Amino acid sequence: MTTATYDMLVTKLSGDLGVDETLIRPDATFAQLEVDSLAVLELGVILEEDFRITFDLEEFKREDMTLEQFAGHVQALLDARPSAAAGAV
């Protein structure tokens, strides 16, 4: 996980979903952040639209996934984008 990806998720969680930024920490799960499954799906849609990545819905069902793990997964998806491999954004 890169710091930039984690910071971007903090911004999306606090700005787009209204999560209290003081509660957000790398080892917190979405449940601990009081982000319900609908809000997690909304976050997925936001990330898909903003960064042209695609999530498998099963990925959002893991209640034990920490924000740090999720950020690592998002970073892997970003790194795997065809546009990222071609050097375009």
N, C-alpha and C. Protein backbone atom coordinates (compact mmCIF):
# COMPACT_ATOMS: atom_id res chain seq x y z
N MET A 1 0.85 -1.18 0.00
CA MET A 1 0.00 0.00 0.00
C MET A 1 0.89 1.24 0.00
N THR A 2 0.48 2.19 -0.80
CA THR A 2 1.21 3.46 -0.78
C THR A 2 0.47 4.44 0.13
N THR A 3 1.22 5.38 0.65
CA THR A 3 0.62 6.41 1.49
C THR A 3 -0.39 7.22 0.70
N ALA A 4 -0.10 7.47 -0.57
CA ALA A 4 -1.02 8.25 -1.41
C ALA A 4 -2.37 7.55 -1.55
N THR A 5 -2.36 6.24 -1.72
CA THR A 5 -3.61 5.49 -1.85
C THR A 5 -4.39 5.53 -0.54
N TYR A 6 -3.71 5.32 0.57
CA TYR A 6 -4.36 5.37 1.87
C TYR A 6 -4.95 6.76 2.11
N ASP A 7 -4.16 7.80 1.83
CA ASP A 7 -4.64 9.18 2.02
C ASP A 7 -5.86 9.47 1.15
N MET A 8 -5.84 8.96 -0.08
CA MET A 8 -6.98 9.15 -0.97
C MET A 8 -8.22 8.48 -0.39
N LEU A 9 -8.07 7.28 0.18
CA LEU A 9 -9.21 6.60 0.78
C LEU A 9 -9.73 7.36 2.01
N VAL A 10 -8.84 7.91 2.79
CA VAL A 10 -9.25 8.73 3.94
C VAL A 10 -10.08 9.90 3.44
N THR A 11 -9.63 10.55 2.38
CA THR A 11 -10.36 11.68 1.80
C THR A 11 -11.73 11.25 1.30
N LYS A 12 -11.79 10.12 0.61
CA LYS A 12 -13.08 9.62 0.08
C LYS A 12 -14.02 9.25 1.23
N LEU A 13 -13.48 8.57 2.23
CA LEU A 13 -14.32 8.16 3.37
C LEU A 13 -14.87 9.37 4.12
N SER A 14 -14.01 10.33 4.40
CA SER A 14 -14.46 11.48 5.17
C SER A 14 -15.26 12.46 4.32
N GLY A 15 -14.81 12.73 3.12
CA GLY A 15 -15.47 13.72 2.27
C GLY A 15 -16.73 13.22 1.60
N ASP A 16 -16.66 12.04 1.00
CA ASP A 16 -17.79 11.52 0.23
C ASP A 16 -18.79 10.73 1.08
N LEU A 17 -18.29 10.06 2.12
CA LEU A 17 -19.18 9.22 2.93
C LEU A 17 -19.45 9.78 4.32
N GLY A 18 -18.77 10.86 4.69
CA GLY A 18 -19.04 11.50 5.97
C GLY A 18 -18.50 10.79 7.19
N VAL A 19 -17.49 9.92 7.01
CA VAL A 19 -16.89 9.22 8.14
C VAL A 19 -16.04 10.20 8.93
N ASP A 20 -16.16 10.16 10.24
CA ASP A 20 -15.36 11.02 11.12
C ASP A 20 -13.89 10.68 10.93
N GLU A 21 -13.12 11.65 10.44
CA GLU A 21 -11.71 11.42 10.12
C GLU A 21 -10.89 10.99 11.33
N THR A 22 -11.31 11.38 12.53
CA THR A 22 -10.57 10.99 13.73
C THR A 22 -10.69 9.50 14.03
N LEU A 23 -11.69 8.83 13.45
CA LEU A 23 -11.88 7.39 13.65
C LEU A 23 -11.08 6.56 12.65
N ILE A 24 -10.66 7.19 11.55
CA ILE A 24 -10.02 6.46 10.47
C ILE A 24 -8.56 6.17 10.82
N ARG A 25 -8.22 4.89 10.78
CA ARG A 25 -6.84 4.46 11.02
C ARG A 25 -6.61 3.18 10.21
N PRO A 26 -5.37 2.87 9.90
CA PRO A 26 -5.09 1.74 9.00
C PRO A 26 -5.65 0.41 9.45
N ASP A 27 -5.72 0.16 10.76
CA ASP A 27 -6.17 -1.15 11.24
C ASP A 27 -7.68 -1.22 11.48
N ALA A 28 -8.40 -0.15 11.16
CA ALA A 28 -9.86 -0.14 11.35
C ALA A 28 -10.55 -0.88 10.21
N THR A 29 -11.59 -1.61 10.57
CA THR A 29 -12.44 -2.24 9.56
C THR A 29 -13.56 -1.26 9.21
N PHE A 30 -14.25 -1.55 8.10
CA PHE A 30 -15.37 -0.68 7.74
C PHE A 30 -16.44 -0.70 8.84
N ALA A 31 -16.64 -1.86 9.46
CA ALA A 31 -17.63 -1.95 10.55
C ALA A 31 -17.22 -1.05 11.71
N GLN A 32 -15.94 -1.04 12.05
CA GLN A 32 -15.46 -0.18 13.14
C GLN A 32 -15.62 1.30 12.80
N LEU A 33 -15.57 1.61 11.51
CA LEU A 33 -15.77 2.99 11.06
C LEU A 33 -17.24 3.33 10.90
N GLU A 34 -18.10 2.35 11.21
CA GLU A 34 -19.55 2.49 11.09
C GLU A 34 -19.97 2.78 9.66
N VAL A 35 -19.26 2.13 8.72
CA VAL A 35 -19.59 2.22 7.30
C VAL A 35 -20.34 0.94 6.96
N ASP A 36 -21.63 1.07 6.64
CA ASP A 36 -22.43 -0.12 6.34
C ASP A 36 -22.15 -0.62 4.93
N SER A 37 -22.71 -1.77 4.59
CA SER A 37 -22.42 -2.40 3.31
C SER A 37 -22.84 -1.54 2.12
N LEU A 38 -23.92 -0.80 2.25
CA LEU A 38 -24.35 0.07 1.16
C LEU A 38 -23.33 1.19 0.93
N ALA A 39 -22.80 1.76 2.01
CA ALA A 39 -21.79 2.81 1.89
C ALA A 39 -20.49 2.26 1.31
N VAL A 40 -20.14 1.03 1.66
CA VAL A 40 -18.94 0.41 1.10
C VAL A 40 -19.12 0.23 -0.41
N LEU A 41 -20.30 -0.20 -0.82
CA LEU A 41 -20.57 -0.32 -2.25
C LEU A 41 -20.51 1.03 -2.94
N GLU A 42 -21.03 2.06 -2.28
CA GLU A 42 -20.96 3.42 -2.81
C GLU A 42 -19.50 3.85 -2.98
N LEU A 43 -18.66 3.53 -2.01
CA LEU A 43 -17.23 3.83 -2.11
C LEU A 43 -16.64 3.12 -3.32
N GLY A 44 -17.03 1.87 -3.51
CA GLY A 44 -16.54 1.12 -4.67
C GLY A 44 -16.92 1.78 -5.98
N VAL A 45 -18.15 2.24 -6.08
CA VAL A 45 -18.62 2.93 -7.29
C VAL A 45 -17.83 4.23 -7.50
N ILE A 46 -17.62 4.97 -6.44
CA ILE A 46 -16.85 6.21 -6.53
C ILE A 46 -15.44 5.92 -7.05
N LEU A 47 -14.80 4.91 -6.49
CA LEU A 47 -13.44 4.56 -6.91
C LEU A 47 -13.42 4.06 -8.34
N GLU A 48 -14.43 3.27 -8.72
CA GLU A 48 -14.50 2.78 -10.10
C GLU A 48 -14.62 3.94 -11.08
N GLU A 49 -15.48 4.89 -10.76
CA GLU A 49 -15.69 6.03 -11.65
C GLU A 49 -14.47 6.96 -11.68
N ASP A 50 -13.88 7.22 -10.54
CA ASP A 50 -12.75 8.15 -10.47
C ASP A 50 -11.47 7.58 -11.09
N PHE A 51 -11.26 6.27 -10.94
CA PHE A 51 -9.96 5.70 -11.31
C PHE A 51 -10.03 4.60 -12.37
N ARG A 52 -11.22 4.35 -12.91
CA ARG A 52 -11.39 3.33 -13.95
C ARG A 52 -10.84 1.97 -13.52
N ILE A 53 -11.24 1.56 -12.32
CA ILE A 53 -10.91 0.22 -11.83
C ILE A 53 -12.22 -0.50 -11.57
N THR A 54 -12.15 -1.82 -11.48
CA THR A 54 -13.35 -2.61 -11.28
C THR A 54 -13.16 -3.54 -10.09
N PHE A 55 -14.15 -3.55 -9.22
CA PHE A 55 -14.14 -4.42 -8.05
C PHE A 55 -15.06 -5.61 -8.28
N ASP A 56 -14.72 -6.72 -7.67
CA ASP A 56 -15.60 -7.87 -7.57
C ASP A 56 -16.44 -7.63 -6.32
N LEU A 57 -17.75 -7.75 -6.43
CA LEU A 57 -18.62 -7.48 -5.28
C LEU A 57 -18.28 -8.33 -4.06
N GLU A 58 -17.73 -9.51 -4.28
CA GLU A 58 -17.34 -10.37 -3.17
C GLU A 58 -16.28 -9.71 -2.28
N GLU A 59 -15.47 -8.83 -2.88
CA GLU A 59 -14.41 -8.17 -2.12
C GLU A 59 -14.97 -7.30 -1.01
N PHE A 60 -16.18 -6.81 -1.19
CA PHE A 60 -16.77 -5.92 -0.21
C PHE A 60 -17.49 -6.66 0.90
N LYS A 61 -17.57 -7.97 0.83
CA LYS A 61 -18.28 -8.75 1.85
C LYS A 61 -17.37 -9.15 3.00
N ARG A 62 -16.08 -8.90 2.89
CA ARG A 62 -15.15 -9.27 3.95
C ARG A 62 -15.24 -8.26 5.08
N GLU A 63 -15.89 -8.65 6.13
CA GLU A 63 -16.08 -7.74 7.27
C GLU A 63 -14.80 -7.51 8.05
N ASP A 64 -13.83 -8.42 7.90
CA ASP A 64 -12.59 -8.31 8.67
C ASP A 64 -11.50 -7.53 7.93
N MET A 65 -11.78 -7.08 6.70
CA MET A 65 -10.77 -6.35 5.93
C MET A 65 -10.52 -4.98 6.57
N THR A 66 -9.24 -4.70 6.81
CA THR A 66 -8.88 -3.40 7.38
C THR A 66 -8.74 -2.38 6.26
N LEU A 67 -8.73 -1.13 6.64
CA LEU A 67 -8.55 -0.06 5.66
C LEU A 67 -7.19 -0.20 4.97
N GLU A 68 -6.18 -0.59 5.71
CA GLU A 68 -4.86 -0.79 5.14
C GLU A 68 -4.89 -1.91 4.09
N GLN A 69 -5.57 -3.01 4.39
CA GLN A 69 -5.70 -4.10 3.42
C GLN A 69 -6.47 -3.64 2.19
N PHE A 70 -7.54 -2.89 2.41
CA PHE A 70 -8.34 -2.39 1.30
C PHE A 70 -7.51 -1.44 0.44
N ALA A 71 -6.73 -0.57 1.07
CA ALA A 71 -5.87 0.35 0.33
C ALA A 71 -4.86 -0.42 -0.51
N GLY A 72 -4.32 -1.48 0.04
CA GLY A 72 -3.39 -2.33 -0.72
C GLY A 72 -4.06 -2.96 -1.92
N HIS A 73 -5.30 -3.39 -1.74
CA HIS A 73 -6.05 -3.98 -2.84
C HIS A 73 -6.34 -2.93 -3.91
N VAL A 74 -6.75 -1.74 -3.49
CA VAL A 74 -7.01 -0.65 -4.44
C VAL A 74 -5.73 -0.33 -5.21
N GLN A 75 -4.60 -0.27 -4.51
CA GLN A 75 -3.32 0.03 -5.17
C GLN A 75 -2.99 -1.04 -6.21
N ALA A 76 -3.24 -2.30 -5.89
CA ALA A 76 -2.99 -3.38 -6.85
C ALA A 76 -3.87 -3.21 -8.09
N LEU A 77 -5.13 -2.83 -7.89
CA LEU A 77 -6.02 -2.59 -9.03
C LEU A 77 -5.54 -1.40 -9.86
N LEU A 78 -5.09 -0.36 -9.19
CA LEU A 78 -4.56 0.81 -9.90
C LEU A 78 -3.32 0.44 -10.71
N ASP A 79 -2.45 -0.35 -10.12
CA ASP A 79 -1.22 -0.76 -10.80
C ASP A 79 -1.51 -1.66 -12.00
N ALA A 80 -2.62 -2.39 -11.95
CA ALA A 80 -2.96 -3.35 -13.01
C ALA A 80 -3.73 -2.73 -14.16
N ARG A 81 -4.14 -1.48 -14.02
CA ARG A 81 -4.91 -0.83 -15.10
C ARG A 81 -4.06 -0.79 -16.36
N PRO A 82 -4.70 -1.05 -17.50
CA PRO A 82 -3.96 -0.95 -18.78
C PRO A 82 -3.37 0.44 -18.98
N SER A 83 -4.07 1.48 -18.59
CA SER A 83 -3.57 2.84 -18.77
C SER A 83 -2.35 3.09 -17.89
N ALA A 84 -2.30 2.45 -16.73
CA ALA A 84 -1.13 2.62 -15.85
C ALA A 84 0.09 1.96 -16.47
N ALA A 85 -0.11 0.82 -17.11
CA ALA A 85 1.01 0.12 -17.75
C ALA A 85 1.51 0.90 -18.95
N ALA A 86 0.62 1.64 -19.62
CA ALA A 86 1.01 2.42 -20.79
C ALA A 86 1.56 3.79 -20.40
N GLY A 87 1.47 4.13 -19.10
CA GLY A 87 1.98 5.40 -18.63
C GLY A 87 0.98 6.53 -18.70
N ALA A 88 -0.26 6.24 -19.09
CA ALA A 88 -1.29 7.26 -19.16
C ALA A 88 -2.17 7.19 -17.94
N VAL A 89 -2.78 8.29 -17.59
CA VAL A 89 -3.70 8.32 -16.44
C VAL A 89 -5.09 8.56 -16.90
